[in-house]
Protein backbone atom coordinates (compact mmCIF):
# COMPACT_ATOMS: atom_id res chain seq x y z
CA UNK A 1 0.00 0.00 0.00
CA UNK A 2 1.30 3.47 -0.90
CA UNK A 3 1.84 5.59 2.18
CA UNK A 4 -0.35 8.69 2.35
CA UNK A 5 2.79 10.86 2.74
CA UNK A 6 4.64 9.39 -0.26
CA UNK A 7 4.18 12.65 -2.21
CA UNK A 8 5.08 14.81 0.79
CA UNK A 9 3.16 16.92 3.29
CA UNK A 10 2.15 20.48 2.46
CA UNK A 11 1.59 22.82 5.40
CA UNK A 12 -0.26 26.06 4.59
CA UNK A 13 -0.40 28.83 7.20
CA UNK A 14 -2.82 31.46 5.89
CA UNK A 15 -2.84 34.79 7.74
CA UNK A 16 -4.42 38.17 7.19
CA UNK A 17 -0.97 39.54 6.27
CA UNK A 18 0.41 36.67 4.17
CA UNK A 19 0.62 32.96 3.35
CA UNK A 20 3.41 30.55 4.30
CA UNK A 21 3.84 27.14 2.66
CA UNK A 22 6.21 24.32 3.66
CA UNK A 23 6.68 21.07 1.74
CA UNK A 24 8.07 18.28 3.91
CA UNK A 25 9.25 14.86 2.79
CA UNK A 26 9.83 11.78 4.93
CA UNK A 27 12.35 9.12 3.95
CA UNK A 28 15.31 7.00 5.00
CA UNK A 29 17.14 10.08 6.29
CA UNK A 30 14.19 11.20 8.39
CA UNK A 31 12.10 14.34 7.99
CA UNK A 32 13.44 16.95 5.56
CA UNK A 33 12.05 20.35 4.56
CA UNK A 34 12.21 20.19 0.78
CA UNK A 35 10.71 23.54 -0.21
CA UNK A 36 9.14 26.65 1.29
CA UNK A 37 7.47 29.85 0.10
CA UNK A 38 6.26 32.92 1.99
CA UNK A 39 4.09 35.54 0.30
CA UNK A 40 3.43 38.73 2.24
CA UNK A 41 0.43 40.89 1.44
CA UNK A 42 1.02 44.59 0.79
CA UNK A 43 -0.63 46.00 3.92
CA UNK A 44 -4.20 44.81 3.22
CA UNK A 45 -7.03 45.96 5.41
CA UNK A 46 -8.83 42.65 4.93
CA UNK A 47 -7.99 39.29 3.39
CA UNK A 48 -9.75 39.71 0.05
CA UNK A 49 -10.62 36.91 -2.34
CA UNK A 50 -8.39 38.20 -5.15
CA UNK A 51 -5.39 38.66 -2.86
CA UNK A 52 -5.64 35.13 -1.44
CA UNK A 53 -6.33 33.57 -4.85
CA UNK A 54 -3.22 35.15 -6.37
CA UNK A 55 -1.07 34.06 -3.42
CA UNK A 56 -2.24 30.44 -3.54
CA UNK A 57 -1.80 30.28 -7.32
CA UNK A 58 1.73 31.65 -6.94
CA UNK A 59 2.57 28.97 -4.36
CA UNK A 60 1.16 26.23 -6.60
CA UNK A 61 3.34 27.44 -9.48
CA UNK A 62 6.52 27.66 -7.37
CA UNK A 63 6.20 24.36 -5.47
CA UNK A 64 5.55 20.77 -6.53
CA UNK A 65 2.33 20.33 -4.52
CA UNK A 66 0.60 17.80 -6.81
CA UNK A 67 -0.56 14.83 -4.76
CA UNK A 68 0.85 16.19 -1.48
CA UNK A 69 -1.06 15.60 1.76
CA UNK A 70 -2.29 19.11 2.57
CA UNK A 71 -3.02 20.72 5.98
CA UNK A 72 -4.23 24.32 6.16
CA UNK A 73 -4.38 26.65 9.17
CA UNK A 74 -6.81 29.52 8.67
CA UNK A 75 -7.44 32.97 10.25
CA UNK A 76 -11.10 32.52 11.14
CA UNK A 77 -12.64 35.86 12.11
CA UNK A 78 -15.60 34.28 13.92
CA UNK A 79 -13.74 31.67 15.95
CA UNK A 80 -15.26 30.63 19.25
CA UNK A 81 -13.25 28.53 21.75
CA UNK A 82 -14.34 27.29 25.15
CA UNK A 83 -13.88 24.43 27.60
CA UNK A 84 -16.73 22.19 28.64
CA UNK A 85 -17.28 19.22 30.95
CA UNK A 86 -19.76 16.57 29.79
CA UNK A 87 -20.90 13.39 31.59
CA UNK A 88 -20.02 11.11 28.67
CA UNK A 89 -16.97 9.05 27.75
CA UNK A 90 -17.91 7.94 24.21
CA UNK A 91 -16.69 10.46 21.59
CA UNK A 92 -19.57 9.61 19.23
CA UNK A 93 -22.12 10.46 21.89
CA UNK A 94 -20.21 13.62 22.83
CA UNK A 95 -20.29 14.77 19.21
CA UNK A 96 -24.05 14.23 19.09
CA UNK A 97 -24.86 16.32 22.17
CA UNK A 98 -22.37 19.17 21.60
CA UNK A 99 -24.63 21.31 19.35
CA UNK A 100 -27.36 21.29 22.00
CA UNK A 101 -24.91 22.11 24.80
CA UNK A 102 -23.27 24.96 22.87
CA UNK A 103 -26.28 26.51 21.14
CA UNK A 104 -27.07 29.10 23.87
CA UNK A 105 -23.45 30.33 23.93
CA UNK A 106 -22.66 30.45 20.19
CA UNK A 107 -22.65 33.81 18.36
CA UNK A 108 -24.51 32.29 15.37
CA UNK A 109 -27.18 29.58 14.96
CA UNK A 110 -25.66 26.16 15.50
CA UNK A 111 -26.62 24.98 11.98
CA UNK A 112 -24.37 27.73 10.55
CA UNK A 113 -21.38 26.61 12.63
CA UNK A 114 -18.81 23.84 12.22
CA UNK A 115 -17.83 22.39 15.60
CA UNK A 116 -14.90 20.21 16.63
CA UNK A 117 -13.37 19.29 19.97
CA UNK A 118 -10.25 17.88 21.60
CA UNK A 119 -10.64 15.47 24.50
CA UNK A 120 -8.44 16.84 27.31
CA UNK A 121 -9.42 14.33 29.95
CA UNK A 122 -11.53 11.25 29.34
CA UNK A 123 -14.12 10.88 32.04
CA UNK A 124 -15.21 7.94 34.13
CA UNK A 125 -18.34 6.92 35.98
CA UNK A 126 -17.60 9.45 38.70
CA UNK A 127 -15.88 12.16 36.64
CA UNK A 128 -16.96 14.16 33.58
CA UNK A 129 -14.93 14.35 30.37
CA UNK A 130 -13.03 17.63 29.84
CA UNK A 131 -13.32 19.07 26.32
CA UNK A 132 -11.62 21.90 24.46
CA UNK A 133 -14.15 23.04 21.85
CA UNK A 134 -13.79 25.26 18.78
CA UNK A 135 -16.48 26.44 16.38
CA UNK A 136 -16.20 28.42 13.13
CA UNK A 137 -18.67 29.84 10.66
CA UNK A 138 -19.46 27.47 7.79
CA UNK A 139 -19.66 30.35 5.32
CA UNK A 140 -16.08 31.38 6.09
CA UNK A 141 -14.90 27.77 5.99
CA UNK A 142 -16.43 27.38 2.52
CA UNK A 143 -14.70 30.55 1.31
CA UNK A 144 -11.25 29.21 2.20
CA UNK A 145 -11.98 25.71 0.89
CA UNK A 146 -13.13 27.09 -2.48
CA UNK A 147 -9.98 29.22 -2.77
CA UNK A 148 -7.72 26.28 -1.97
CA UNK A 149 -9.45 23.94 -4.42
CA UNK A 150 -9.26 26.56 -7.17
CA UNK A 151 -5.46 26.59 -6.72
CA UNK A 152 -5.28 22.78 -6.94
CA UNK A 153 -5.00 22.20 -3.18
CA UNK A 154 -7.59 20.04 -1.45
CA UNK A 155 -6.66 19.95 2.25
CA UNK A 156 -7.31 16.89 4.37
CA UNK A 157 -7.22 19.06 7.50
CA UNK A 158 -8.49 22.62 8.07
CA UNK A 159 -7.58 23.99 11.49
CA UNK A 160 -6.80 27.21 13.39
CA UNK A 161 -3.56 29.21 13.32
CA UNK A 162 -0.92 28.52 15.95
CA UNK A 163 -2.36 25.38 17.53
CA UNK A 164 -0.03 22.93 15.76
CA UNK A 165 3.15 24.68 16.95
CA UNK A 166 1.89 25.00 20.53
CA UNK A 167 0.76 21.35 20.63
CA UNK A 168 4.08 20.12 19.22
CA UNK A 169 6.14 21.99 21.84
CA UNK A 170 3.82 20.80 24.63
CA UNK A 171 4.17 17.19 23.48
CA UNK A 172 7.97 17.47 23.31
CA UNK A 173 8.20 19.10 26.77
CA UNK A 174 5.51 17.38 28.89
CA UNK A 175 7.05 18.56 32.16
CA UNK A 176 6.90 22.26 31.26
CA UNK A 177 3.99 24.66 31.78
CA UNK A 178 4.07 27.59 29.38
CA UNK A 179 2.05 30.15 27.47
CA UNK A 180 2.42 30.13 23.69
CA UNK A 181 1.52 33.44 22.00
CA UNK A 182 1.01 33.42 18.22
CA UNK A 183 1.04 37.13 17.35
CA UNK A 184 -0.49 38.18 14.04
CA UNK A 185 -1.30 41.52 12.43
CA UNK A 186 -4.75 41.94 13.99
CA UNK A 187 -4.99 39.46 16.84
CA UNK A 188 -3.07 37.18 19.17
CA UNK A 189 -3.87 33.48 19.63
CA UNK A 190 -2.81 32.32 23.11
CA UNK A 191 -2.36 28.65 24.05
CA UNK A 192 -1.83 27.60 27.67
CA UNK A 193 0.03 24.28 28.03
CA UNK A 194 0.26 21.98 31.04
CA UNK A 195 1.06 18.28 31.44
CA UNK A 196 2.04 17.97 27.77
CA UNK A 197 -1.34 19.24 26.45
CA UNK A 198 -2.96 22.50 25.40
CA UNK A 199 -5.42 23.09 28.23
CA UNK A 200 -6.76 26.53 27.44
CA UNK A 201 -7.03 28.78 24.35
CA UNK A 202 -8.10 32.36 23.97
CA UNK A 203 -7.65 35.13 21.42
CA UNK A 204 -7.74 38.89 21.69
CA UNK A 205 -7.47 41.75 19.17
CA UNK A 206 -4.54 44.15 19.16
CA UNK A 207 -4.15 47.68 17.80
CA UNK A 208 -2.61 48.02 14.36
CA UNK A 209 -0.76 51.23 15.30
CA UNK A 210 2.87 50.50 16.17
CA UNK A 211 2.89 52.74 19.26
CA UNK A 212 0.05 50.85 20.91
CA UNK A 213 0.73 47.26 19.79
CA UNK A 214 3.28 46.24 22.43
CA UNK A 215 1.09 47.55 25.24
CA UNK A 216 -1.98 45.81 23.78
CA UNK A 217 -0.13 42.49 23.54
CA UNK A 218 1.19 42.82 27.10
CA UNK A 219 -2.25 43.60 28.51
CA UNK A 220 -3.84 40.69 26.66
CA UNK A 221 -1.23 38.21 27.90
CA UNK A 222 -1.57 39.52 31.46
CA UNK A 223 -5.32 38.90 31.31
CA UNK A 224 -4.61 35.41 29.94
CA UNK A 225 -2.43 34.59 32.94
CA UNK A 226 -5.23 35.72 35.27
CA UNK A 227 -7.85 33.71 33.34
CA UNK A 228 -5.62 30.67 33.43
CA UNK A 229 -5.26 30.89 37.21
CA UNK A 230 -9.04 31.19 37.53
CA UNK A 231 -9.70 28.13 35.36
CA UNK A 232 -6.89 25.97 36.76
CA UNK A 233 -6.15 27.13 40.32
CA UNK A 234 -4.53 23.78 41.17
CA UNK A 235 -2.07 23.92 38.25
CA UNK A 236 1.45 25.36 38.70
CA UNK A 237 2.17 28.82 37.30
CA UNK A 238 3.63 29.04 33.77
CA UNK A 239 7.39 28.60 33.51
CA UNK A 240 7.78 30.85 30.46
CA UNK A 241 6.13 32.57 27.52
CA UNK A 242 6.98 31.52 23.95
CA UNK A 243 6.43 34.08 21.19
CA UNK A 244 5.67 33.15 17.58
CA UNK A 245 4.47 34.88 14.42
CA UNK A 246 5.58 38.05 12.64
CA UNK A 247 4.13 40.21 15.43
CA UNK A 248 6.61 38.70 17.89
CA UNK A 249 9.26 40.89 16.25
CA UNK A 250 7.65 44.01 17.73
CA UNK A 251 10.42 46.34 19.03
CA UNK A 252 10.78 46.23 22.82
CA UNK A 253 8.07 43.57 23.24
CA UNK A 254 10.17 40.86 25.00
CA UNK A 255 11.56 43.31 27.59
CA UNK A 256 8.12 44.80 28.25
CA UNK A 257 6.57 41.35 28.77
CA UNK A 258 9.32 40.25 31.14
CA UNK A 259 8.90 43.39 33.23
CA UNK A 260 5.10 43.22 33.36
CA UNK A 261 4.59 39.45 33.75
CA UNK A 262 7.80 38.51 35.53
CA UNK A 263 8.26 35.48 33.26
CA UNK A 264 11.13 34.55 30.91
CA UNK A 265 10.36 35.24 27.24
CA UNK A 266 11.52 32.93 24.42
CA UNK A 267 11.18 33.28 20.66
CA UNK A 268 10.24 30.08 18.85
CA UNK A 269 12.58 28.48 16.31
CA UNK A 270 10.80 25.29 15.31
CA UNK A 271 13.65 23.88 13.21
CA UNK A 272 16.03 24.02 16.18
CA UNK A 273 13.31 22.85 18.56
CA UNK A 274 12.60 19.67 16.57
CA UNK A 275 15.98 19.19 14.80
CA UNK A 276 14.26 18.80 11.43
CA UNK A 277 16.57 18.73 8.40
CA UNK A 278 16.58 21.85 6.24
CA UNK A 279 17.65 21.78 2.58
CA UNK A 280 20.81 23.88 2.12
CA UNK A 281 19.19 25.83 -0.70
CA UNK A 282 16.48 27.04 1.70
CA UNK A 283 18.81 28.29 4.42
CA UNK A 284 19.09 31.99 3.43
CA UNK A 285 15.35 32.37 2.70
CA UNK A 286 14.11 30.60 5.84
CA UNK A 287 12.67 33.08 8.35
CA UNK A 288 11.43 31.25 11.48
CA UNK A 289 8.73 33.76 12.47
CA UNK A 290 7.16 33.40 8.98
CA UNK A 291 7.61 29.65 8.44
CA UNK A 292 7.46 27.98 11.88
CA UNK A 293 3.69 27.58 12.05
CA UNK A 294 3.46 26.09 8.54
CA UNK A 295 6.28 23.70 9.44
CA UNK A 296 4.51 22.73 12.68
CA UNK A 297 1.44 21.65 10.68
CA UNK A 298 3.57 19.12 8.77
CA UNK A 299 5.42 17.98 11.88
CA UNK A 300 2.25 17.26 13.88
CA UNK A 301 0.90 15.14 11.02
CA UNK A 302 4.06 12.99 10.94
CA UNK A 303 3.90 12.54 14.73
CA UNK A 304 0.18 11.73 14.81
CA UNK A 305 -0.67 14.79 16.94
CA UNK A 306 -4.31 15.56 16.28
CA UNK A 307 -5.80 19.01 16.65
CA UNK A 308 -8.99 20.65 15.46
CA UNK A 309 -10.20 19.64 12.01
CA UNK A 310 -13.24 21.34 10.49
CA UNK A 311 -13.34 19.16 7.36
CA UNK A 312 -16.34 17.21 8.62
CA UNK A 313 -19.91 16.51 7.61
CA UNK A 314 -20.70 18.45 4.42
CA UNK A 315 -17.09 19.73 4.32
CA UNK A 316 -15.55 16.27 4.70
CA UNK A 317 -12.73 15.44 2.32
CA UNK A 318 -14.04 13.36 -0.55
CA UNK A 319 -11.95 10.23 -0.96
CA UNK A 320 -10.47 9.25 -4.29
CA UNK A 321 -13.22 6.78 -5.08
CA UNK A 322 -15.86 9.39 -4.37
CA UNK A 323 -14.16 11.91 -6.66
CA UNK A 324 -14.13 9.34 -9.46
CA UNK A 325 -17.37 7.56 -8.59
CA UNK A 326 -18.95 8.23 -12.00
CA UNK A 327 -15.87 6.88 -13.81
CA UNK A 328 -15.84 3.75 -11.65
CA UNK A 329 -19.55 3.12 -12.30
CA UNK A 330 -19.09 3.61 -16.05
CA UNK A 331 -16.07 1.30 -16.12
CA UNK A 332 -17.91 -1.27 -14.01
CA UNK A 333 -20.91 -1.24 -16.36
CA UNK A 334 -18.68 -1.68 -19.41
CA UNK A 335 -16.79 -4.51 -17.71
CA UNK A 336 -20.09 -6.14 -16.75
CA UNK A 337 -21.35 -5.84 -20.33
CA UNK A 338 -18.18 -7.45 -21.67
CA UNK A 339 -18.53 -10.33 -19.18
CA UNK A 340 -22.18 -10.83 -20.17
CA UNK A 341 -21.25 -10.91 -23.87
CA UNK A 342 -18.45 -13.40 -23.18
CA UNK A 343 -20.85 -15.57 -21.19
CA UNK A 344 -23.50 -15.45 -23.93
CA UNK A 345 -20.88 -16.29 -26.56
CA UNK A 346 -19.64 -19.24 -24.52
CA UNK A 347 -23.21 -20.41 -23.88
CA UNK A 348 -24.09 -20.18 -27.59
CA UNK A 349 -20.96 -22.12 -28.56
CA UNK A 350 -21.78 -24.81 -25.98
CA UNK A 351 -25.34 -25.18 -27.29
CA UNK A 352 -24.08 -25.50 -30.88
CA UNK A 353 -21.57 -28.18 -29.86
CA UNK A 354 -24.25 -30.07 -27.93
CA UNK A 355 -26.52 -30.04 -30.99
CA UNK A 356 -23.68 -31.25 -33.22
CA UNK A 357 -22.87 -34.05 -30.76
CA UNK A 358 -26.53 -35.07 -30.58
CA UNK A 359 -26.72 -35.18 -34.39
CA UNK A 360 -23.49 -37.20 -34.61
CA UNK A 361 -24.76 -39.66 -31.98
CA UNK A 362 -28.03 -40.03 -33.87
CA UNK A 363 -26.19 -40.81 -37.12
CA UNK A 364 -23.86 -43.21 -35.30
CA UNK A 365 -26.79 -45.11 -33.82
CA UNK A 366 -28.33 -45.41 -37.28
CA UNK A 367 -25.06 -46.86 -38.63
CA UNK A 368 -24.80 -49.22 -35.63
CA UNK A 369 -28.34 -50.55 -36.09
CA UNK A 370 -27.83 -51.04 -39.81
CA UNK A 371 -24.52 -52.86 -39.22
CA UNK A 372 -25.63 -54.93 -36.21
CA UNK A 373 -29.41 -55.20 -36.48
CA UNK A 374 -29.55 -57.91 -33.82
CA UNK A 375 -27.71 -55.83 -31.21
CA UNK A 376 -29.18 -53.31 -28.73
CA UNK A 377 -27.33 -50.11 -27.85
CA UNK A 378 -26.61 -50.28 -24.10
CA UNK A 379 -24.08 -47.43 -23.71
CA UNK A 380 -22.09 -45.03 -25.89
CA UNK A 381 -22.77 -46.17 -29.47
CA UNK A 382 -19.25 -45.37 -30.73
CA UNK A 383 -17.52 -47.42 -28.05
CA UNK A 384 -20.01 -50.27 -28.43
CA UNK A 385 -19.49 -50.32 -32.20
CA UNK A 386 -15.71 -50.50 -31.73
CA UNK A 387 -16.14 -53.42 -29.33
CA UNK A 388 -18.48 -55.24 -31.73
CA UNK A 389 -16.10 -54.77 -34.65
CA UNK A 390 -13.19 -56.04 -32.57
CA UNK A 391 -15.12 -59.14 -31.53
CA UNK A 392 -15.99 -59.87 -35.16
CA UNK A 393 -12.35 -59.92 -36.11
CA UNK A 394 -10.71 -63.43 -36.26
CA UNK A 395 -7.61 -64.67 -37.97
CA UNK A 396 -8.37 -65.57 -41.59
CA UNK A 397 -7.46 -68.98 -42.74
CA UNK A 398 -5.27 -67.56 -45.41
CA UNK A 399 -4.29 -64.31 -43.84
CA UNK A 400 -1.21 -62.61 -45.21
CA UNK A 401 -0.28 -61.56 -41.66
CA UNK A 402 1.52 -64.84 -40.94
CA UNK A 403 5.07 -64.71 -39.73
CA UNK A 404 6.37 -67.28 -42.27
CA UNK A 405 7.68 -67.37 -45.81
CA UNK A 406 5.65 -70.53 -46.69
CA UNK A 407 2.97 -69.91 -49.24
CA UNK A 408 -0.45 -71.23 -48.40
CA UNK A 409 -0.83 -72.88 -51.78
CA UNK A 410 2.43 -74.82 -51.30
CA UNK A 411 1.38 -76.05 -47.87
CA UNK A 412 -2.01 -77.29 -49.13
CA UNK A 413 -0.33 -78.94 -52.10
CA UNK A 414 2.02 -80.96 -49.85
CA UNK A 415 -0.87 -82.13 -47.65
CA UNK A 416 -2.88 -83.19 -50.72
CA UNK A 417 0.05 -85.05 -52.36
CA UNK A 418 1.33 -86.80 -49.21
CA UNK A 419 -2.09 -88.18 -48.18
CA UNK A 420 -3.25 -90.61 -50.94
CA UNK A 421 -6.85 -90.83 -52.04
CA UNK A 422 -7.16 -94.51 -51.03
CA UNK A 423 -6.44 -93.63 -47.39
CA UNK A 424 -9.82 -93.36 -45.61
CA UNK A 425 -9.34 -89.93 -44.02
CA UNK A 426 -11.93 -87.19 -43.71
CA UNK A 427 -10.62 -83.67 -42.78
CA UNK A 428 -13.28 -81.64 -40.95
CA UNK A 429 -11.27 -78.57 -39.95
CA UNK A 430 -7.99 -76.93 -40.86
CA UNK A 431 -6.72 -73.93 -38.88
CA UNK A 432 -3.68 -72.07 -40.15
CA UNK A 433 -2.06 -69.94 -37.46
CA UNK A 434 1.30 -68.20 -37.06
CA UNK A 435 3.91 -70.98 -37.41
CA UNK A 436 1.44 -73.86 -37.00
CA UNK A 437 -1.36 -75.72 -38.76
CA UNK A 438 -4.04 -77.69 -36.90
CA UNK A 439 -5.84 -80.48 -38.80
CA UNK A 440 -8.96 -82.08 -37.31
CA UNK A 441 -10.84 -85.05 -38.80
CA UNK A 442 -11.66 -88.78 -38.51
CA UNK A 443 -10.53 -92.08 -39.98
CA UNK A 444 -11.24 -95.83 -39.65
CA UNK A 445 -8.23 -96.92 -37.54
CA UNK A 446 -5.51 -95.65 -35.26
CA UNK A 447 -2.97 -97.01 -37.77
CA UNK A 448 -4.37 -94.64 -40.37
CA UNK A 449 -3.64 -91.72 -38.03
CA UNK A 450 -0.04 -92.92 -37.57
CA UNK A 451 0.30 -93.45 -41.31
CA UNK A 452 -0.92 -89.91 -42.05
CA UNK A 453 1.54 -88.48 -39.48
CA UNK A 454 4.43 -90.40 -41.05
CA UNK A 455 3.56 -89.24 -44.55
CA UNK A 456 3.23 -85.55 -43.57
CA UNK A 457 6.61 -85.56 -41.83
CA UNK A 458 8.21 -86.14 -45.25
CA UNK A 459 7.34 -82.55 -46.35
CA UNK A 460 10.21 -80.08 -46.30
CA UNK A 461 7.70 -77.37 -45.34
CA UNK A 462 6.90 -79.02 -42.03
CA UNK A 463 9.34 -79.05 -39.14
CA UNK A 464 7.38 -81.57 -37.14
CA UNK A 465 4.00 -83.33 -36.90
CA UNK A 466 2.43 -84.22 -33.57
CA UNK A 467 -0.71 -86.27 -32.84
CA UNK A 468 -2.52 -83.94 -30.47
CA UNK A 469 -5.33 -86.46 -29.86
CA UNK A 470 -6.80 -89.70 -31.28
CA UNK A 471 -9.99 -91.20 -29.81
CA UNK A 472 -12.84 -93.46 -30.88
CA UNK A 473 -16.05 -91.62 -31.51
CA UNK A 474 -19.26 -92.43 -29.61
CA UNK A 475 -20.39 -94.91 -32.23
CA UNK A 476 -17.07 -96.74 -31.95
CA UNK A 477 -16.65 -97.06 -35.70
CA UNK A 478 -14.37 -94.08 -36.39
CA UNK A 479 -11.30 -92.48 -34.79
CA UNK A 480 -11.42 -88.69 -34.22
CA UNK A 481 -7.98 -87.11 -34.42
CA UNK A 482 -6.14 -83.80 -34.22
CA UNK A 483 -2.72 -83.21 -35.74
CA UNK A 484 -0.46 -80.27 -35.00
CA UNK A 485 1.99 -79.32 -37.74
CA UNK A 486 4.92 -77.00 -36.95
CA UNK A 487 5.98 -75.07 -40.03
CA UNK A 488 9.63 -74.78 -41.03
């Protein structure tokens, strides 16, 4: 079976200020980044359809994305994230009741939302299951999916920005508690990690003006720390804050955060964090704050780390057989028609042969009855006729198939000359076989039998003459005899 990653993994990180794409390949040498592209938008107010379409088309023309397993992270504007405890353990049942549980709290009708969840803690009989739930607007999801498909990219996974990188670092450092801040142009996505999992997510908008951005980011992160303590009072305080995204390059931001939050600040470098191989040709163009989140999407897929995926229900990825269903049906019908025609042809040929055999048997029986009118056909007429013909065959008295050079006429002449007419001998049967002649008959006396034997022994054609038998007949007036003559 061909592995689903045989053509590589394409990670797409779509933001309001640009698109990053990373193509990763897995092989004997491990995981290698084969290609990458970052396209920055020229200060757009909003992510317009034309801008995104041109960027995706440019990526498709610069990278070999055909057949790659695609994961896309998207900047949903109407993203709602919350935690919830439910008294169920079965994920199927949880998925069924979620719309009813969330409906009062969602900003839009539940039928216009796409909902997914991550199971933080599986419950038991005495404890509820802890869920991390995200919902997005279906209309916005369709917009991005249409744009991606138009560029020849059909993602298997559609998720939120930043989550893959935060989840990967949490999984690699299960003993660390940290806050991961993915800072974009308009908002910050914050992920709170503990015990190797993302436990809490929130987002907040930030000012676009440079003078106010650092303060806005600091205030938002401070509120996140407070909210985290309120939700998880029994959890240890964060060990550090990790910054990611182009907004993390804000002048003076790390120092301001350290002073206000009293926590160490780190900038993410996902290549160094995971020790993934980087093609030498990509080195100069690789900018971690632009490419890390796209790379994290690929990495999580190779490690089996599952996050949110909104390609469900009506947005579910159509499998190959579904995409080509009409072709398969057409091919199947044609194949079925060919098989039916072959079957009919074979059936017709069989019927013709059966009729020919029946006609031949009928003619054979007619020949058999005309040849052997006193015989009854008891089995296959051909075999019975062969047997009858064989039984009718017997060695001819004067057959040429005798293994001797003696002519029949010479042998009969010697017998006639050597036995005189005045000798009272009556020959009743003469059988001429290979190398021998049997003479049966009767005479008046036993002496006549001896006399006949003596006379026949004088022939140069006969090697020897033996009296096979000599007996009086029932009347007692004649002697029945049999002579065996061996031919020379």
